[in-house]
Amino acid sequence: MGQLPKLDEALDRFDDAVKQVEAAMMRAKSAESQADASQGESQALREDRARLAAELDEVRANAERLTDKTQQAAEKIASAMSRINTALGE
């Protein structure tokens, strides 16, 4: 009967070791899930950044066209005012 307490003790240690392995596996699985979620978020952010960069390029191109058109309109107005002033003798 002297063997039973040792066996119980060994089984308890074995049970504790199994619980530690299970806990470690759960932590690893949780870390893997978090890494997957982070990768998904990172990919979504990269896609958003690319979309926003394309939109920004488009807005800049539109702004440049508007600036050019504004400059052309100002030149035409100045030319028309000059012709009017000439016609009025000023």
Protein backbone atom coordinates (compact mmCIF):
# COMPACT_ATOMS: atom_id res chain seq x y z
CA MET A 1 0.00 0.00 0.00
CA GLY A 2 2.97 2.29 0.22
CA GLN A 3 2.88 2.59 -3.55
CA LEU A 4 -0.62 4.09 -3.76
CA PRO A 5 0.26 7.51 -2.32
CA LYS A 6 3.22 7.72 -4.69
CA LEU A 7 1.01 6.71 -7.58
CA ASP A 8 -1.63 9.26 -6.57
CA GLU A 9 1.08 11.89 -6.29
CA ALA A 10 2.45 10.99 -9.73
CA LEU A 11 -1.05 11.07 -11.23
CA ASP A 12 -1.65 14.49 -9.67
CA ARG A 13 1.60 15.79 -11.14
CA PHE A 14 0.69 14.28 -14.49
CA ASP A 15 -2.77 15.87 -14.32
CA ASP A 16 -1.21 19.24 -13.47
CA ALA A 17 1.20 18.89 -16.41
CA VAL A 18 -1.67 18.08 -18.77
CA LYS A 19 -3.57 21.12 -17.50
CA GLN A 20 -0.50 23.30 -18.10
CA VAL A 21 -0.15 21.95 -21.64
CA GLU A 22 -3.84 22.58 -22.30
CA ALA A 23 -3.53 26.12 -20.94
CA ALA A 24 -0.47 26.74 -23.12
CA MET A 25 -2.34 25.44 -26.16
CA MET A 26 -5.28 27.74 -25.40
CA ARG A 27 -2.92 30.72 -25.07
CA ALA A 28 -1.23 29.81 -28.35
CA LYS A 29 -4.59 29.45 -30.08
CA SER A 30 -5.71 32.79 -28.66
CA ALA A 31 -2.49 34.45 -29.79
CA GLU A 32 -2.94 32.93 -33.25
CA SER A 33 -6.51 34.22 -33.43
CA GLN A 34 -5.36 37.67 -32.38
CA ALA A 35 -2.59 37.56 -34.98
CA ASP A 36 -5.11 36.56 -37.66
CA ALA A 37 -7.42 39.40 -36.60
CA SER A 38 -4.51 41.84 -36.65
CA GLN A 39 -3.52 40.70 -40.12
CA GLY A 40 -7.08 41.18 -41.31
CA GLU A 41 -7.19 44.65 -39.79
CA SER A 42 -3.82 45.48 -41.33
CA GLN A 43 -5.02 44.35 -44.75
CA ALA A 44 -8.19 46.43 -44.38
CA LEU A 45 -6.10 49.47 -43.41
CA ARG A 46 -3.80 48.96 -46.42
CA GLU A 47 -6.82 48.74 -48.71
CA ASP A 48 -8.33 51.89 -47.15
CA ARG A 49 -5.02 53.70 -47.54
CA ALA A 50 -4.78 52.70 -51.21
CA ARG A 51 -8.36 53.82 -51.82
CA LEU A 52 -7.80 57.12 -50.04
CA ALA A 53 -4.54 57.70 -51.93
CA ALA A 54 -6.36 57.16 -55.23
CA GLU A 55 -9.14 59.53 -54.15
CA LEU A 56 -6.57 62.11 -53.09
CA ASP A 57 -4.83 61.85 -56.46
CA GLU A 58 -8.18 62.39 -58.17
CA VAL A 59 -9.00 65.40 -55.98
CA ARG A 60 -5.57 66.90 -56.65
CA ALA A 61 -6.01 66.43 -60.40
CA ASN A 62 -9.45 68.09 -60.21
CA ALA A 63 -8.01 70.96 -58.18
CA GLU A 64 -5.24 71.44 -60.73
CA ARG A 65 -7.79 71.49 -63.58
CA LEU A 66 -9.92 74.01 -61.66
CA THR A 67 -6.87 76.18 -61.04
CA ASP A 68 -6.05 76.09 -64.75
CA LYS A 69 -9.66 76.93 -65.68
CA THR A 70 -9.73 79.75 -63.13
CA GLN A 71 -6.51 81.17 -64.55
CA GLN A 72 -7.90 80.96 -68.09
CA ALA A 73 -11.14 82.64 -67.00
CA ALA A 74 -9.21 85.43 -65.23
CA GLU A 75 -7.12 86.00 -68.36
CA LYS A 76 -10.24 86.15 -70.54
CA ILE A 77 -11.92 88.58 -68.12
CA ALA A 78 -8.80 90.77 -68.04
CA SER A 79 -8.64 90.72 -71.84
CA ALA A 80 -12.34 91.59 -72.13
CA MET A 81 -11.96 94.43 -69.61
CA SER A 82 -8.99 95.75 -71.58
CA ARG A 83 -10.96 95.68 -74.82
CA ILE A 84 -13.92 97.39 -73.12
CA ASN A 85 -11.65 100.08 -71.67
CA THR A 86 -10.08 100.57 -75.10
CA ALA A 87 -13.51 100.83 -76.70
CA LEU A 88 -14.59 103.35 -74.07
CA GLY A 89 -11.42 105.32 -74.59
CA GLU A 90 -10.05 104.92 -71.11
